Amino acid sequence: MFHASKFIIARPTLLDPNFQQTVILLLQHDSSGAFGLVVNKPLPPQAWTLPFPLYLGGPCKSEGLLMLHGYQDWVDEASIMEKQVIPGVFIGDEECVKKATMDHSKNGSSRFLMMTGYAGWGPGQLEYEMNQGTWALAQATSRELFEINAQDKWASLLPSIIPQPSEN
């Protein structure tokens, strides 16, 4: 089973420093492998010179910056389906980066994440890790992506491993 457009959440047993306590939005997951972006690891302010936070999208180097945003009006009508990764969340382009810069300087809050790097897995690699219990799955929504603070995402999205008591 493939899990594109879902969050994968590192279980507490995952000690790899690249993925420890991470939440990743999977953008692609099929027989050729998987590709996603870590959405809860902002870089320290001294690591960037942009007017808004920059996130470490994963340990794999990217050619430029990658952007996720929640503004449908920033997307050309003809490419909405192509750029929408989950309902209300889109992959940004250069024009979106310009709009994000202006929007952030006006009101300081925003519905976008700018990232450097990404997380990637070869064929069968993520499936193996999931079968080992390394990752938990959760439905991805724009609310969790943009409205939960980065430092709270992992704890709030990680499913409880403690059974809930019955009420009978």
Protein backbone atom coordinates (compact mmCIF):
# COMPACT_ATOMS: atom_id res chain seq x y z
CA MET A 1 0.00 0.00 0.00
CA PHE A 2 1.26 3.45 -0.91
CA HIS A 3 0.88 6.47 1.36
CA ALA A 4 1.36 9.65 -0.69
CA SER A 5 -0.42 12.68 0.79
CA LYS A 6 -0.15 11.33 4.36
CA PHE A 7 2.03 12.23 7.28
CA ILE A 8 4.54 9.70 8.48
CA ILE A 9 5.58 10.28 12.07
CA ALA A 10 8.83 8.91 13.51
CA ARG A 11 8.17 6.55 16.40
CA PRO A 12 10.20 7.16 19.60
CA THR A 13 12.36 4.13 18.75
CA LEU A 14 13.72 5.88 15.63
CA LEU A 15 17.06 7.26 16.82
CA ASP A 16 18.58 8.31 13.48
CA PRO A 17 19.37 12.02 14.07
CA ASN A 18 18.11 12.85 10.56
CA PHE A 19 14.62 11.60 11.41
CA GLN A 20 14.31 11.54 15.20
CA GLN A 21 10.97 13.10 16.23
CA THR A 22 10.13 14.15 12.67
CA VAL A 23 6.83 14.57 10.89
CA ILE A 24 7.10 14.11 7.12
CA LEU A 25 4.49 14.94 4.50
CA LEU A 26 4.83 12.28 1.80
CA LEU A 27 4.47 13.91 -1.61
CA GLN A 28 5.20 10.76 -3.60
CA HIS A 29 5.10 7.09 -2.65
CA ASP A 30 4.95 4.38 -5.28
CA SER A 31 6.91 1.39 -6.56
CA SER A 32 9.85 3.64 -7.52
CA GLY A 33 10.32 4.91 -3.94
CA ALA A 34 9.14 7.77 -1.78
CA PHE A 35 9.73 11.51 -1.51
CA GLY A 36 8.62 13.79 1.31
CA LEU A 37 9.32 16.92 3.30
CA VAL A 38 10.02 17.18 7.02
CA VAL A 39 7.52 19.78 8.25
CA ASN A 40 8.54 20.26 11.88
CA LYS A 41 12.26 21.15 11.88
CA PRO A 42 12.87 24.90 11.47
CA LEU A 43 16.50 25.84 11.10
CA PRO A 44 17.99 28.26 13.64
CA PRO A 45 17.48 31.92 12.59
CA GLN A 46 21.22 32.44 12.01
CA ALA A 47 21.12 29.72 9.31
CA TRP A 48 19.02 31.76 6.86
CA THR A 49 18.64 35.29 5.61
CA LEU A 50 15.03 35.11 4.38
CA PRO A 51 12.33 37.27 5.98
CA PHE A 52 10.59 34.09 7.23
CA PRO A 53 11.67 30.79 8.79
CA LEU A 54 13.43 28.16 6.71
CA TYR A 55 12.85 24.48 7.48
CA LEU A 56 15.13 21.50 6.99
CA GLY A 57 12.99 19.43 4.62
CA GLY A 58 15.23 16.39 5.01
CA PRO A 59 18.79 15.13 4.78
CA CYS A 60 18.90 14.95 0.95
CA LYS A 61 20.20 18.10 -0.73
CA SER A 62 17.85 20.00 -3.04
CA GLU A 63 18.83 22.27 -5.92
CA GLY A 64 16.85 25.17 -4.51
CA LEU A 65 14.15 25.87 -1.98
CA LEU A 66 10.91 23.90 -1.83
CA MET A 67 7.65 25.47 -0.73
CA LEU A 68 4.31 24.24 0.57
CA HIS A 69 1.53 26.82 0.90
CA GLY A 70 -2.15 27.09 1.67
CA TYR A 71 -3.23 29.81 -0.77
CA GLN A 72 -5.34 28.59 -3.67
CA ASP A 73 -5.36 32.09 -5.17
CA TRP A 74 -1.57 31.83 -5.61
CA VAL A 75 -2.06 28.91 -8.04
CA ASP A 76 -3.00 29.23 -11.69
CA GLU A 77 -6.43 27.60 -12.23
CA ALA A 78 -5.00 25.34 -14.96
CA SER A 79 -2.41 23.83 -12.62
CA ILE A 80 -4.37 23.48 -9.35
CA MET A 81 -4.74 19.70 -9.64
CA GLU A 82 -1.07 19.31 -10.53
CA LYS A 83 0.17 21.48 -7.64
CA GLN A 84 -2.27 20.40 -4.91
CA VAL A 85 -0.70 17.75 -2.66
CA ILE A 86 -3.53 17.49 -0.13
CA PRO A 87 -6.76 19.51 0.01
CA GLY A 88 -5.80 23.14 0.52
CA VAL A 89 -2.02 22.59 0.30
CA PHE A 90 -0.01 23.34 -2.82
CA ILE A 91 3.57 23.15 -4.09
CA GLY A 92 4.85 26.68 -4.58
CA ASP A 93 6.89 28.15 -7.42
CA GLU A 94 9.02 31.27 -7.82
CA GLU A 95 5.98 33.54 -8.02
CA CYS A 96 4.65 32.06 -4.77
CA VAL A 97 7.96 32.79 -3.05
CA LYS A 98 7.61 36.47 -4.04
CA LYS A 99 4.04 36.53 -2.70
CA ALA A 100 5.15 34.80 0.51
CA THR A 101 7.86 37.39 1.04
CA MET A 102 5.39 40.26 0.63
CA ASP A 103 2.69 38.53 2.71
CA HIS A 104 5.05 37.75 5.58
CA SER A 105 6.45 41.28 5.70
CA LYS A 106 2.89 42.68 5.91
CA ASN A 107 1.39 40.53 8.66
CA GLY A 108 4.11 38.20 9.99
CA SER A 109 1.90 35.11 10.00
CA SER A 110 1.48 32.83 7.07
CA ARG A 111 0.25 29.56 5.65
CA PHE A 112 3.46 28.44 3.98
CA LEU A 113 6.61 26.52 4.76
CA MET A 114 9.87 27.09 2.92
CA MET A 115 12.35 24.22 2.96
CA THR A 116 15.80 23.24 1.95
CA GLY A 117 16.44 19.55 1.40
CA TYR A 118 14.04 16.62 1.29
CA ALA A 119 13.61 13.05 2.53
CA GLY A 120 13.86 10.26 -0.02
CA TRP A 121 13.68 6.47 -0.06
CA GLY A 122 14.50 3.95 -2.77
CA PRO A 123 12.13 1.22 -3.97
CA GLY A 124 10.81 -0.80 -1.02
CA GLN A 125 12.90 1.08 1.56
CA LEU A 126 10.07 3.01 3.24
CA GLU A 127 7.81 -0.07 3.18
CA TYR A 128 10.54 -2.03 4.99
CA GLU A 129 10.92 0.71 7.61
CA MET A 130 7.15 0.88 8.12
CA ASN A 131 6.96 -2.90 8.54
CA GLN A 132 9.66 -2.60 11.22
CA GLY A 133 7.43 -0.17 13.14
CA THR A 134 9.68 2.83 12.58
CA TRP A 135 6.93 5.12 11.29
CA ALA A 136 3.32 5.83 12.22
CA LEU A 137 0.81 7.07 9.64
CA ALA A 138 -1.66 9.93 10.00
CA GLN A 139 -4.03 11.70 7.65
CA ALA A 140 -2.43 14.95 6.48
CA THR A 141 -4.52 18.12 6.58
CA SER A 142 -3.73 21.77 6.08
CA ARG A 143 -4.72 22.45 9.71
CA GLU A 144 -2.00 20.18 11.11
CA LEU A 145 0.50 21.49 8.59
CA PHE A 146 -0.01 25.21 9.14
CA GLU A 147 -1.78 25.68 12.48
CA ILE A 148 0.21 23.44 14.84
CA ASN A 149 3.55 24.91 15.95
CA ALA A 150 6.59 23.09 14.59
CA GLN A 151 7.77 22.09 18.06
CA ASP A 152 4.33 20.59 18.89
CA LYS A 153 3.65 18.69 15.63
CA TRP A 154 5.45 15.46 16.50
CA ALA A 155 3.84 15.01 19.93
CA SER A 156 0.38 16.00 18.72
CA LEU A 157 0.40 13.74 15.64
CA LEU A 158 2.12 10.66 17.07
CA PRO A 159 -0.54 8.03 17.78
CA SER A 160 -0.66 6.86 21.37
CA ILE A 161 0.83 3.41 21.95
CA ILE A 162 -0.94 3.10 25.28
CA PRO A 163 -4.36 1.44 24.94
CA GLN A 164 -7.25 3.59 26.13
CA PRO A 165 -9.23 2.09 29.02
CA SER A 166 -12.65 0.73 28.21
CA GLU A 167 -15.71 2.38 29.67
CA ASN A 168 -17.55 -0.80 30.73
